Amino acid sequence: MSFRDTALNALTGGDRARQQKQLVQLQETVRANRRAFERLAESYNSWVVERAKEDAEWTKLAADNRENGGLARQSKVEWARRSFRSDPFAKRAVKLKGEFCFASGIDGPRARATKEGEQAAELPELTAFWNDAGNQALMFSQPMQLKRSDQLLTDGDLFLLVTARPGQVPQVRRFGSLNVSHRVNDPEDADRALYYAVPVREFAWNASVGNFQAVPNTTGTRYKFYRDIANSDRASDPLEGTVDAEPDCYMMHVAINSVDDGGFGESDLITSLKWLNAAKVIAEDQITISKATASLMATLEAETTDETALSGLRTSLQSQTDSTSPAPPLAGGMNIMSSGLSLVVSRASSQAADAYQNSRMVRMPAVVGAGFAMHYLGDPENANLATASSMELPQLKMLEAYQSLWLAIYHTLFDFVLGLAGKSAADTPYEIPVPKMLEPTVGETASAILDAEAGGLITEQQAAQRMMDLLGFDDIPERLQEWLDERGQREQKQQEELQARMAALDQQQQAPPQGQDAAPPGRQVPDDNAAA
């Protein structure tokens, strides 16, 4: 200690020495935690850079980037697709609707009898269309049913191209949503689509990359036109003979959340995206805070002013922990230090509870925008029986409406195929079995079906069909036919047994009383009435 420090220490009664010691300790603490602050800055900078990169890929919600009052269609589709791939809430919301709608898969169309006892009409055109290998692989199989649902909910549009060449089974394929430039609508009916315009793009094989690559267009945009599936009546087409449409090809457009006249659809995720992004930012900030507080928890204090000793101590710690700040001990471990050292652990609050509430606050409108309650997407806070039960009805109605949408899509395709064969759905009744949204109570439902049949509200055959559906039979038409055949055989057997009993009774009535012999052949039996 210098003469000046000694004098000041004597004049202040030792306060100068204590102040000097505290100053040295503060400097050492700053040096020890410098690396932690540097890591915090690096972590913060990494989040900032990542967010900047993400923001650079989005279209800003500014007035100069809006198209007809909103984001450009391509930007919305790309934004929703990115959200589906990266955000767990967005992906789960989309998946839930498809899983409730299709479950283990919607079965193909089956014939339906219009009267009791009548044989259901055959469906050769629909059966061939449904069972076609290409249609199954790319449209009707259970995995493809779920995939088409994901695409519709993410893009907001689903374009199906049906190719109907003479003498061949119609083929149905998905057409890229962003490949369709615009719809050509009826000038007198904006909701009636006549054609779909698709820009023509030429591709050439590039052997250096082993794939096809687009050839630059130098002659201006040219379009292919596809006729709408409901515009098959050429006589009612106001552009017939004017538009050179692709032959034997028909386009079906399914749009959700469409409010513009004759416009494209919009994804369920669009209204939720900014809230999901806010929740992501909150979670990232909380991770940063938690990492920072964890690295600042432990402080090593040394009761010495020897800079050489402190430097050696820092070097020793750095060789063990790769940091100038000592790492917290392992669970159950012991810190053995000299009397001049002390390890202080500070419990710094990470404000996790506040972050959770903030995240939940912004996730609420995001989840509502997707149409679900919070407990459907992994939040157990409102999943008690009373709260969950009160929320089931609107969820059920939403999911039933979505399933009805897909039933309408399939009915449109099947009716179109029947029309190609010169038939109509009215003359060829059929039905499409779908998975149940909720599993019914078997006992109560079965009792209600039997009571309805006993009361004459439904026929015996209708009751049998409903009971088979309730019990979960997949092949109801075959089972129902077996039941009808077995019932017919049973009734025929009962009729034969009844006839046999009636014949036996007639024989008993014609036989003579017991103990009296029958008259021999050729002998006349006297008639008592005649003698009298």
Protein backbone atom coordinates (compact mmCIF):
# COMPACT_ATOMS: atom_id res chain seq x y z
CA MET A 1 0.00 0.00 0.00
CA SER A 2 1.34 3.42 -0.93
CA PHE A 3 2.11 6.20 1.61
CA ARG A 4 -0.90 8.15 0.35
CA ASP A 5 -3.23 5.17 0.82
CA THR A 6 -1.75 4.51 4.29
CA ALA A 7 -2.35 8.10 5.33
CA LEU A 8 -5.90 8.15 4.01
CA ASN A 9 -6.57 4.85 5.70
CA ALA A 10 -5.34 6.22 9.04
CA LEU A 11 -7.39 9.41 8.66
CA THR A 12 -10.59 7.53 7.75
CA GLY A 13 -10.26 4.87 10.41
CA GLY A 14 -9.71 2.00 7.97
CA ASP A 15 -12.54 2.93 5.53
CA ARG A 16 -10.03 3.69 2.82
CA ALA A 17 -8.68 0.13 2.91
CA ARG A 18 -12.18 -1.34 2.81
CA GLN A 19 -13.14 0.90 -0.12
CA GLN A 20 -9.97 -0.08 -1.96
CA LYS A 21 -10.69 -3.73 -1.34
CA GLN A 22 -14.29 -3.40 -2.59
CA LEU A 23 -13.06 -1.57 -5.70
CA VAL A 24 -10.62 -4.37 -6.48
CA GLN A 25 -13.33 -6.98 -5.95
CA LEU A 26 -15.67 -5.09 -8.26
CA GLN A 27 -13.01 -4.92 -10.95
CA GLU A 28 -12.36 -8.63 -10.64
CA THR A 29 -16.08 -9.37 -10.83
CA VAL A 30 -16.36 -7.34 -14.02
CA ARG A 31 -13.37 -9.12 -15.50
CA ALA A 32 -14.74 -12.53 -14.46
CA ASN A 33 -18.13 -11.85 -16.00
CA ARG A 34 -16.88 -10.10 -19.12
CA ARG A 35 -16.97 -13.32 -21.11
CA ALA A 36 -20.52 -13.96 -19.97
CA PHE A 37 -21.56 -10.50 -21.16
CA GLU A 38 -19.76 -11.13 -24.44
CA ARG A 39 -21.66 -14.39 -24.88
CA LEU A 40 -24.89 -12.59 -24.07
CA ALA A 41 -24.10 -10.00 -26.74
CA GLU A 42 -23.24 -12.71 -29.24
CA SER A 43 -26.47 -14.53 -28.42
CA TYR A 44 -28.46 -11.35 -28.79
CA ASN A 45 -26.76 -10.52 -32.04
CA SER A 46 -27.46 -14.01 -33.38
CA TRP A 47 -31.18 -13.57 -32.67
CA VAL A 48 -31.14 -10.14 -34.24
CA VAL A 49 -29.43 -11.42 -37.37
CA GLU A 50 -31.77 -14.39 -37.64
CA ARG A 51 -34.84 -12.19 -37.30
CA ALA A 52 -33.47 -9.76 -39.84
CA LYS A 53 -32.96 -12.62 -42.29
CA GLU A 54 -36.47 -13.86 -41.71
CA ASP A 55 -37.95 -10.39 -42.08
CA ALA A 56 -36.07 -9.91 -45.33
CA GLU A 57 -37.86 -12.91 -46.81
CA TRP A 58 -41.35 -11.66 -45.98
CA THR A 59 -43.43 -9.05 -47.67
CA LYS A 60 -43.83 -6.15 -45.24
CA LEU A 61 -47.36 -5.30 -44.16
CA ALA A 62 -47.02 -1.77 -45.46
CA ALA A 63 -49.38 0.16 -47.68
CA ASP A 64 -46.97 0.22 -50.62
CA ASN A 65 -46.78 -3.58 -50.67
CA ARG A 66 -50.49 -4.24 -50.49
CA GLU A 67 -52.49 -5.56 -53.38
CA ASN A 68 -56.22 -4.90 -53.37
CA GLY A 69 -56.10 -4.12 -49.66
CA GLY A 70 -53.91 -7.06 -48.60
CA LEU A 71 -50.80 -9.07 -49.29
CA ALA A 72 -50.16 -10.37 -52.76
CA ARG A 73 -51.54 -13.87 -53.24
CA GLN A 74 -48.13 -15.43 -53.86
CA SER A 75 -46.71 -13.81 -50.71
CA LYS A 76 -49.58 -15.12 -48.61
CA VAL A 77 -49.19 -18.64 -49.94
CA GLU A 78 -45.42 -18.66 -49.40
CA TRP A 79 -45.85 -17.16 -45.93
CA ALA A 80 -48.43 -19.76 -44.93
CA ARG A 81 -46.28 -22.61 -46.28
CA ARG A 82 -43.27 -21.38 -44.34
CA SER A 83 -45.37 -21.15 -41.20
CA PHE A 84 -46.68 -24.69 -41.70
CA ARG A 85 -43.12 -26.00 -42.00
CA SER A 86 -41.61 -24.10 -39.10
CA ASP A 87 -44.31 -23.22 -36.55
CA PRO A 88 -45.64 -26.11 -34.44
CA PHE A 89 -48.96 -24.36 -33.68
CA ALA A 90 -49.66 -23.66 -37.35
CA LYS A 91 -48.77 -27.21 -38.36
CA ARG A 92 -50.86 -28.79 -35.59
CA ALA A 93 -53.90 -26.66 -36.43
CA VAL A 94 -53.76 -27.77 -40.07
CA LYS A 95 -53.12 -31.41 -39.19
CA LEU A 96 -55.98 -31.55 -36.67
CA LYS A 97 -58.63 -30.62 -39.22
CA GLY A 98 -57.45 -33.25 -41.66
CA GLU A 99 -57.17 -35.95 -39.00
CA PHE A 100 -60.67 -35.28 -37.68
CA CYS A 101 -62.09 -35.17 -41.22
CA PHE A 102 -60.41 -38.24 -42.70
CA ALA A 103 -59.16 -40.26 -39.68
CA SER A 104 -58.22 -43.65 -41.16
CA GLY A 105 -59.50 -42.55 -44.56
CA ILE A 106 -62.75 -41.94 -46.43
CA ASP A 107 -63.90 -45.06 -48.27
CA GLY A 108 -64.93 -45.06 -51.87
CA PRO A 109 -68.51 -44.56 -53.09
CA ARG A 110 -70.97 -47.37 -52.51
CA ALA A 111 -74.30 -48.02 -54.13
CA ARG A 112 -77.46 -47.23 -52.21
CA ALA A 113 -80.81 -48.94 -52.72
CA THR A 114 -83.78 -46.59 -52.95
CA LYS A 115 -86.34 -49.14 -51.72
CA GLU A 116 -86.29 -51.91 -49.15
CA GLY A 117 -85.42 -55.26 -50.62
CA GLU A 118 -84.27 -53.67 -53.87
CA GLN A 119 -80.82 -54.59 -55.12
CA ALA A 120 -78.45 -51.58 -55.16
CA ALA A 121 -77.39 -50.50 -58.62
CA GLU A 122 -73.86 -51.25 -59.75
CA LEU A 123 -71.32 -48.41 -59.91
CA PRO A 124 -68.78 -49.59 -62.50
CA GLU A 125 -67.71 -46.07 -63.56
CA LEU A 126 -67.22 -44.80 -60.00
CA THR A 127 -65.56 -48.03 -58.84
CA ALA A 128 -63.06 -47.91 -61.72
CA PHE A 129 -62.42 -44.19 -61.11
CA TRP A 130 -61.85 -44.68 -57.38
CA ASN A 131 -59.73 -47.84 -57.65
CA ASP A 132 -57.54 -46.63 -60.52
CA ALA A 133 -53.91 -47.02 -59.46
CA GLY A 134 -52.93 -43.50 -60.48
CA ASN A 135 -55.92 -41.90 -58.78
CA GLN A 136 -55.29 -43.89 -55.61
CA ALA A 137 -51.59 -43.03 -55.54
CA LEU A 138 -52.09 -39.29 -56.09
CA MET A 139 -55.56 -38.47 -54.77
CA PHE A 140 -57.71 -41.07 -53.04
CA SER A 141 -55.42 -43.08 -50.76
CA GLN A 142 -55.49 -42.21 -47.06
CA PRO A 143 -52.05 -40.51 -47.04
CA MET A 144 -53.01 -38.45 -50.08
CA GLN A 145 -56.34 -37.50 -48.53
CA LEU A 146 -54.47 -35.98 -45.58
CA LYS A 147 -51.91 -34.34 -47.87
CA ARG A 148 -54.57 -32.70 -50.05
CA SER A 149 -56.22 -31.40 -46.88
CA ASP A 150 -52.91 -29.89 -45.73
CA GLN A 151 -52.44 -28.22 -49.10
CA LEU A 152 -55.95 -26.77 -49.16
CA LEU A 153 -55.71 -25.37 -45.63
CA THR A 154 -52.20 -23.97 -46.19
CA ASP A 155 -52.65 -22.46 -49.67
CA GLY A 156 -56.32 -21.54 -49.33
CA ASP A 157 -56.89 -23.02 -52.81
CA LEU A 158 -56.98 -26.51 -54.24
CA PHE A 159 -56.92 -27.00 -58.01
CA LEU A 160 -57.78 -30.46 -59.32
CA LEU A 161 -57.21 -31.29 -62.97
CA VAL A 162 -59.42 -34.05 -64.36
CA THR A 163 -58.31 -35.61 -67.65
CA ALA A 164 -61.14 -37.43 -69.39
CA ARG A 165 -59.98 -39.06 -72.62
CA PRO A 166 -62.42 -41.28 -74.50
CA GLY A 167 -62.17 -44.96 -73.66
CA GLN A 168 -59.98 -44.35 -70.59
CA VAL A 169 -60.63 -44.07 -66.87
CA PRO A 170 -60.68 -40.37 -65.92
CA GLN A 171 -57.53 -39.24 -64.11
CA VAL A 172 -57.54 -36.64 -61.32
CA ARG A 173 -54.38 -34.79 -60.23
CA ARG A 174 -53.58 -31.76 -58.13
CA PHE A 175 -52.52 -28.66 -60.05
CA GLY A 176 -50.11 -26.20 -58.39
CA SER A 177 -51.95 -23.31 -56.74
CA LEU A 178 -49.42 -20.69 -57.79
CA ASN A 179 -49.33 -21.98 -61.37
CA VAL A 180 -52.83 -20.62 -62.01
CA SER A 181 -52.58 -16.96 -62.98
CA HIS A 182 -56.25 -15.97 -62.92
CA ARG A 183 -59.80 -17.13 -63.45
CA VAL A 184 -61.90 -16.20 -66.44
CA ASN A 185 -65.36 -15.59 -64.98
CA ASP A 186 -68.71 -15.23 -66.63
CA PRO A 187 -69.16 -11.47 -67.20
CA GLU A 188 -72.73 -11.75 -65.95
CA ASP A 189 -71.93 -13.96 -62.96
CA ALA A 190 -68.67 -13.26 -61.13
CA ASP A 191 -68.93 -16.45 -59.07
CA ARG A 192 -69.15 -18.67 -62.15
CA ALA A 193 -65.74 -19.67 -63.46
CA LEU A 194 -65.47 -20.50 -67.14
CA TYR A 195 -61.73 -21.04 -67.61
CA TYR A 196 -58.45 -20.95 -65.71
CA ALA A 197 -55.42 -19.27 -67.25
CA VAL A 198 -52.02 -20.89 -66.74
CA PRO A 199 -48.83 -19.20 -68.03
CA VAL A 200 -46.94 -21.43 -70.43
CA ARG A 201 -43.45 -22.30 -69.26
CA GLU A 202 -40.97 -24.26 -71.35
CA PHE A 203 -38.42 -26.61 -69.79
CA ALA A 204 -35.27 -28.13 -71.19
CA TRP A 205 -33.12 -30.97 -69.88
CA ASN A 206 -29.87 -29.78 -68.31
CA ALA A 207 -27.42 -32.65 -68.08
CA SER A 208 -24.99 -30.66 -65.92
CA VAL A 209 -27.48 -30.43 -63.07
CA GLY A 210 -29.37 -33.61 -63.91
CA ASN A 211 -32.80 -31.99 -64.06
CA PHE A 212 -35.18 -29.89 -66.13
CA GLN A 213 -34.71 -26.13 -66.03
CA ALA A 214 -37.05 -23.37 -67.18
CA VAL A 215 -36.19 -21.72 -70.47
CA PRO A 216 -36.27 -17.90 -70.30
CA ASN A 217 -39.33 -16.44 -72.00
CA THR A 218 -38.40 -13.84 -74.59
CA THR A 219 -41.63 -13.69 -76.60
CA GLY A 220 -44.07 -12.52 -73.95
CA THR A 221 -46.47 -14.42 -71.73
CA ARG A 222 -48.61 -17.07 -73.37
CA TYR A 223 -51.42 -18.90 -71.60
CA LYS A 224 -53.04 -22.29 -71.56
CA PHE A 225 -56.72 -22.35 -70.71
CA TYR A 226 -58.48 -25.12 -68.82
CA ARG A 227 -62.24 -25.41 -68.83
CA ASP A 228 -63.99 -25.34 -65.43
CA ILE A 229 -65.50 -28.68 -64.43
CA ALA A 230 -68.96 -27.07 -64.22
CA ASN A 231 -68.57 -25.57 -67.71
CA SER A 232 -68.92 -28.83 -69.59
CA ASP A 233 -72.12 -27.71 -71.34
CA ARG A 234 -70.74 -26.01 -74.43
CA ALA A 235 -74.12 -24.50 -75.31
CA SER A 236 -74.15 -22.36 -72.16
CA ASP A 237 -70.53 -21.19 -72.51
CA PRO A 238 -70.45 -17.55 -73.66
CA LEU A 239 -66.83 -17.99 -74.80
CA GLU A 240 -67.34 -21.20 -76.73
CA GLY A 241 -65.33 -21.01 -79.94
CA THR A 242 -63.38 -18.00 -78.65
CA VAL A 243 -61.06 -19.59 -76.09
CA ASP A 244 -58.82 -22.40 -77.27
CA ALA A 245 -59.02 -24.61 -74.18
CA GLU A 246 -57.00 -27.76 -73.57
CA PRO A 247 -58.99 -30.73 -74.92
CA ASP A 248 -60.37 -33.38 -72.57
CA CYS A 249 -59.10 -31.45 -69.51
CA TYR A 250 -61.27 -29.91 -66.82
CA MET A 251 -60.24 -27.88 -63.77
CA MET A 252 -61.95 -27.94 -60.39
CA HIS A 253 -61.23 -25.07 -58.01
CA VAL A 254 -61.87 -25.30 -54.26
CA ALA A 255 -61.36 -22.07 -52.32
CA ILE A 256 -61.71 -21.40 -48.59
CA ASN A 257 -62.09 -18.03 -46.86
CA SER A 258 -62.86 -16.36 -50.17
CA VAL A 259 -64.84 -13.14 -49.83
CA ASP A 260 -64.06 -11.53 -53.19
CA ASP A 261 -66.38 -12.20 -56.11
CA GLY A 262 -64.84 -15.03 -58.06
CA GLY A 263 -61.51 -14.64 -56.29
CA PHE A 264 -58.94 -16.99 -54.90
CA GLY A 265 -59.04 -18.42 -51.40
CA GLU A 266 -56.95 -17.60 -48.36
CA SER A 267 -55.25 -19.86 -45.83
CA ASP A 268 -56.62 -20.30 -42.33
CA LEU A 269 -53.15 -19.36 -41.09
CA ILE A 270 -52.99 -15.83 -42.50
CA THR A 271 -54.86 -14.20 -39.61
CA SER A 272 -52.72 -16.09 -37.09
CA LEU A 273 -49.26 -15.51 -38.55
CA LYS A 274 -48.39 -12.20 -36.89
CA TRP A 275 -49.48 -13.56 -33.51
CA LEU A 276 -47.53 -16.76 -33.98
CA ASN A 277 -44.48 -14.72 -34.92
CA ALA A 278 -44.90 -12.60 -31.76
CA ALA A 279 -45.06 -15.77 -29.65
CA LYS A 280 -41.88 -16.99 -31.33
CA VAL A 281 -40.10 -13.71 -30.52
CA ILE A 282 -41.17 -13.96 -26.87
CA ALA A 283 -39.87 -17.52 -26.65
CA GLU A 284 -36.54 -16.54 -28.21
CA ASP A 285 -36.17 -13.61 -25.83
CA GLN A 286 -36.90 -15.89 -22.89
CA ILE A 287 -34.23 -18.35 -24.01
CA THR A 288 -31.75 -15.48 -24.23
CA ILE A 289 -32.62 -14.25 -20.74
CA SER A 290 -32.43 -17.75 -19.29
CA LYS A 291 -28.99 -18.33 -20.81
CA ALA A 292 -27.76 -14.99 -19.55
CA THR A 293 -29.02 -15.48 -16.01
CA ALA A 294 -27.57 -19.00 -15.92
CA SER A 295 -24.13 -17.74 -16.92
CA LEU A 296 -24.23 -14.96 -14.30
CA MET A 297 -25.32 -17.09 -11.36
CA ALA A 298 -21.88 -18.00 -9.95
CA THR A 299 -19.31 -15.43 -8.73
CA LEU A 300 -15.95 -16.37 -7.24
CA GLU A 301 -14.60 -13.88 -4.66
CA ALA A 302 -10.93 -13.85 -3.67
CA GLU A 303 -9.71 -11.95 -0.58
CA THR A 304 -6.44 -10.76 -2.07
CA THR A 305 -5.15 -7.78 -3.97
CA ASP A 306 -2.29 -9.66 -5.55
CA GLU A 307 -2.86 -9.27 -9.28
CA THR A 308 -0.44 -12.10 -10.05
CA ALA A 309 -2.37 -14.53 -7.88
CA LEU A 310 -5.68 -13.43 -9.40
CA SER A 311 -4.29 -13.86 -12.91
CA GLY A 312 -3.12 -17.37 -12.09
CA LEU A 313 -6.51 -18.17 -10.58
CA ARG A 314 -8.30 -16.95 -13.71
CA THR A 315 -5.98 -18.99 -15.91
CA SER A 316 -6.66 -22.09 -13.83
CA LEU A 317 -10.43 -21.58 -14.00
CA GLN A 318 -10.32 -20.85 -17.71
CA SER A 319 -8.41 -24.08 -18.39
CA GLN A 320 -11.10 -26.03 -16.55
CA THR A 321 -14.26 -24.28 -17.70
CA ASP A 322 -13.12 -22.47 -20.89
CA SER A 323 -14.38 -19.28 -19.29
CA THR A 324 -13.16 -16.61 -16.93
CA SER A 325 -16.35 -17.30 -14.94
CA PRO A 326 -16.40 -20.58 -13.01
CA ALA A 327 -19.10 -23.00 -14.04
CA PRO A 328 -21.60 -24.08 -11.38
CA PRO A 329 -20.67 -27.39 -9.71
CA LEU A 330 -22.21 -30.64 -10.79
CA ALA A 331 -25.16 -31.99 -8.84
CA GLY A 332 -23.84 -33.51 -5.63
CA GLY A 333 -20.36 -32.12 -6.23
CA MET A 334 -18.27 -30.26 -3.65
CA ASN A 335 -16.29 -27.06 -4.00
CA ILE A 336 -13.12 -27.18 -1.91
CA MET A 337 -11.45 -23.78 -1.74
CA SER A 338 -8.94 -22.01 0.46
CA SER A 339 -10.02 -19.66 3.20
CA GLY A 340 -9.36 -16.70 0.98
CA LEU A 341 -11.89 -17.77 -1.69
CA SER A 342 -15.67 -17.94 -1.64
CA LEU A 343 -18.11 -19.03 -4.36
CA VAL A 344 -21.34 -17.05 -4.30
CA VAL A 345 -24.39 -18.24 -6.28
CA SER A 346 -26.97 -15.57 -6.99
CA ARG A 347 -30.50 -16.65 -7.86
CA ALA A 348 -31.33 -14.21 -10.64
CA SER A 349 -34.94 -14.23 -11.82
CA SER A 350 -35.48 -15.12 -15.48
CA GLN A 351 -39.06 -13.78 -15.40
CA ALA A 352 -40.24 -17.06 -16.91
CA ALA A 353 -43.73 -16.75 -15.42
CA ASP A 354 -44.26 -13.37 -17.07
CA ALA A 355 -42.89 -14.68 -20.36
CA TYR A 356 -45.31 -17.63 -20.23
CA GLN A 357 -48.29 -15.35 -19.71
CA ASN A 358 -47.13 -13.00 -22.46
CA SER A 359 -46.66 -15.89 -24.87
CA ARG A 360 -50.06 -17.33 -23.97
CA MET A 361 -51.65 -13.92 -24.47
CA VAL A 362 -50.41 -13.67 -28.06
CA ARG A 363 -51.03 -17.34 -28.79
CA MET A 364 -54.70 -16.98 -27.88
CA PRO A 365 -55.70 -14.98 -31.01
CA ALA A 366 -53.40 -17.17 -33.12
CA VAL A 367 -55.19 -20.31 -32.00
CA VAL A 368 -58.62 -18.71 -32.36
CA GLY A 369 -57.69 -17.64 -35.88
CA ALA A 370 -57.10 -21.29 -36.71
CA GLY A 371 -60.51 -22.17 -35.29
CA PHE A 372 -59.47 -24.17 -32.22
CA ALA A 373 -59.55 -23.81 -28.47
CA MET A 374 -56.24 -23.62 -26.62
CA HIS A 375 -56.40 -27.12 -25.18
CA TYR A 376 -56.53 -28.61 -28.68
CA LEU A 377 -53.03 -27.24 -29.34
CA GLY A 378 -51.25 -28.35 -26.21
CA ASP A 379 -52.29 -25.80 -23.54
CA PRO A 380 -53.67 -27.77 -20.56
CA GLU A 381 -54.70 -24.71 -18.57
CA ASN A 382 -58.32 -24.77 -19.77
CA ALA A 383 -58.55 -28.52 -20.32
CA ASN A 384 -60.66 -29.33 -17.26
CA LEU A 385 -63.84 -31.28 -17.97
CA ALA A 386 -66.31 -28.43 -17.57
CA THR A 387 -64.38 -25.96 -19.72
CA ALA A 388 -63.47 -28.49 -22.39
CA SER A 389 -67.02 -29.79 -22.65
CA SER A 390 -68.44 -26.30 -23.14
CA MET A 391 -65.98 -25.77 -25.99
CA GLU A 392 -66.72 -29.02 -27.82
CA LEU A 393 -69.85 -27.94 -29.68
CA PRO A 394 -68.30 -25.10 -31.75
CA GLN A 395 -65.29 -27.31 -32.46
CA LEU A 396 -67.57 -30.12 -33.59
CA LYS A 397 -69.58 -27.83 -35.87
CA MET A 398 -66.39 -26.45 -37.45
CA LEU A 399 -65.00 -29.93 -38.09
CA GLU A 400 -68.31 -31.21 -39.45
CA ALA A 401 -68.42 -28.25 -41.84
CA TYR A 402 -64.91 -29.07 -43.05
CA GLN A 403 -65.82 -32.73 -43.57
CA SER A 404 -68.91 -31.64 -45.50
CA LEU A 405 -66.66 -29.54 -47.73
CA TRP A 406 -64.66 -32.62 -48.69
CA LEU A 407 -67.82 -34.65 -49.23
CA ALA A 408 -68.94 -31.95 -51.66
CA ILE A 409 -65.57 -32.17 -53.45
CA TYR A 410 -65.89 -35.93 -53.88
CA HIS A 411 -69.53 -35.71 -54.94
CA THR A 412 -68.59 -33.15 -57.61
CA LEU A 413 -65.89 -35.46 -58.98
CA PHE A 414 -68.13 -38.54 -58.93
CA ASP A 415 -71.08 -36.74 -60.50
CA PHE A 416 -68.77 -35.49 -63.25
CA VAL A 417 -67.54 -39.04 -63.94
CA LEU A 418 -71.14 -40.27 -64.08
CA GLY A 419 -71.95 -37.46 -66.51
CA LEU A 420 -69.11 -38.57 -68.78
CA ALA A 421 -70.74 -42.01 -68.87
CA GLY A 422 -74.12 -40.50 -69.75
CA LYS A 423 -75.58 -41.08 -66.28
CA SER A 424 -76.78 -38.81 -63.51
CA ALA A 425 -76.54 -39.04 -59.74
CA ALA A 426 -80.35 -38.97 -59.53
CA ASP A 427 -80.56 -42.16 -61.56
CA THR A 428 -77.54 -43.75 -59.85
CA PRO A 429 -77.87 -43.16 -56.10
CA TYR A 430 -74.71 -43.65 -54.09
CA GLU A 431 -73.25 -42.58 -50.77
CA ILE A 432 -69.80 -41.84 -49.36
CA PRO A 433 -69.14 -43.26 -45.88
CA VAL A 434 -67.12 -40.93 -43.68
CA PRO A 435 -65.48 -41.33 -40.25
CA LYS A 436 -67.50 -40.21 -37.25
CA MET A 437 -66.41 -37.05 -35.45
CA LEU A 438 -67.41 -38.44 -32.07
CA GLU A 439 -67.81 -42.05 -31.03
CA PRO A 440 -71.48 -42.59 -30.08
CA THR A 441 -72.63 -44.46 -26.98
CA VAL A 442 -73.30 -47.87 -28.49
CA GLY A 443 -75.92 -49.08 -26.02
CA GLU A 444 -78.10 -45.99 -26.11
CA THR A 445 -77.83 -45.58 -29.88
CA ALA A 446 -78.60 -49.25 -30.56
CA SER A 447 -81.67 -49.07 -28.31
CA ALA A 448 -82.88 -45.97 -30.16
CA ILE A 449 -82.45 -47.73 -33.53
CA LEU A 450 -84.43 -50.78 -32.37
CA ASP A 451 -87.18 -48.58 -30.91
CA ALA A 452 -87.41 -46.66 -34.18
CA GLU A 453 -87.75 -49.92 -36.13
CA ALA A 454 -90.39 -51.26 -33.71
CA GLY A 455 -92.33 -48.02 -34.01
CA GLY A 456 -92.34 -48.17 -37.78
CA LEU A 457 -90.16 -45.07 -38.25
CA ILE A 458 -87.53 -47.03 -40.17
CA THR A 459 -87.59 -50.35 -41.98
CA GLU A 460 -85.88 -53.50 -40.76
CA GLN A 461 -83.26 -53.20 -43.48
CA GLN A 462 -82.56 -49.58 -42.54
CA ALA A 463 -82.24 -50.60 -38.90
CA ALA A 464 -79.79 -53.36 -39.83
CA GLN A 465 -77.69 -50.96 -41.87
CA ARG A 466 -77.56 -48.43 -39.02
CA MET A 467 -76.63 -51.11 -36.51
CA MET A 468 -73.77 -52.29 -38.72
CA ASP A 469 -72.56 -48.72 -39.10
CA LEU A 470 -72.75 -48.25 -35.33
CA LEU A 471 -70.68 -51.38 -34.73
CA GLY A 472 -68.00 -50.12 -37.10
CA PHE A 473 -68.31 -52.54 -40.02
CA ASP A 474 -66.24 -51.42 -43.01
CA ASP A 475 -67.90 -53.59 -45.67
CA ILE A 476 -71.50 -52.68 -44.90
CA PRO A 477 -72.93 -53.39 -48.39
CA GLU A 478 -71.47 -56.93 -48.38
CA ARG A 479 -72.54 -57.53 -44.77
CA LEU A 480 -76.01 -56.19 -45.50
CA GLN A 481 -76.34 -58.44 -48.55
CA GLU A 482 -75.22 -61.43 -46.46
CA TRP A 483 -77.83 -60.51 -43.87
CA LEU A 484 -80.54 -60.26 -46.54
CA ASP A 485 -79.53 -63.61 -48.05
CA GLU A 486 -79.45 -65.25 -44.64
CA ARG A 487 -82.81 -63.76 -43.73
CA GLY A 488 -84.25 -65.05 -47.03
CA GLN A 489 -82.89 -68.53 -46.37
CA ARG A 490 -84.21 -68.43 -42.82
CA GLU A 491 -87.66 -67.37 -43.99
CA GLN A 492 -87.67 -70.06 -46.68
CA LYS A 493 -86.70 -72.70 -44.11
CA GLN A 494 -89.42 -71.49 -41.77
CA GLN A 495 -91.93 -71.67 -44.64
CA GLU A 496 -90.87 -75.20 -45.46
CA GLU A 497 -91.16 -76.27 -41.82
CA LEU A 498 -94.61 -74.69 -41.60
CA GLN A 499 -95.74 -76.50 -44.74
CA ALA A 500 -94.40 -79.77 -43.36
CA ARG A 501 -96.31 -79.31 -40.10
CA MET A 502 -99.49 -78.42 -42.01
CA ALA A 503 -99.13 -81.56 -44.13
CA ALA A 504 -98.62 -83.69 -41.03
CA LEU A 505 -101.71 -82.18 -39.44
CA ASP A 506 -103.79 -82.93 -42.54
CA GLN A 507 -102.66 -86.54 -42.43
CA GLN A 508 -103.61 -86.83 -38.76
CA GLN A 509 -107.07 -85.44 -39.49
CA GLN A 510 -107.65 -87.91 -42.34
CA ALA A 511 -106.46 -90.98 -40.38
CA PRO A 512 -109.25 -93.29 -38.71
CA PRO A 513 -109.75 -93.19 -34.96
CA GLN A 514 -107.39 -95.26 -32.89
CA GLY A 515 -108.52 -98.99 -32.56
CA GLN A 516 -110.71 -99.04 -35.73
CA ASP A 517 -109.23 -100.68 -38.78
CA ALA A 518 -109.48 -99.07 -42.09
CA ALA A 519 -111.74 -100.77 -44.67
CA PRO A 520 -109.92 -103.20 -46.95
CA PRO A 521 -109.68 -102.32 -50.57
CA GLY A 522 -112.88 -103.05 -52.57
CA ARG A 523 -115.08 -103.42 -49.51
CA GLN A 524 -118.05 -101.10 -49.04
CA VAL A 525 -118.50 -99.55 -45.67
CA PRO A 526 -122.19 -99.28 -44.75
CA ASP A 527 -123.57 -95.84 -44.50
CA ASP A 528 -125.52 -95.52 -41.28
CA ASN A 529 -127.43 -92.51 -42.51
CA ALA A 530 -128.48 -94.33 -45.66
CA ALA A 531 -129.72 -97.35 -43.65
CA ALA A 532 -131.74 -95.15 -41.44
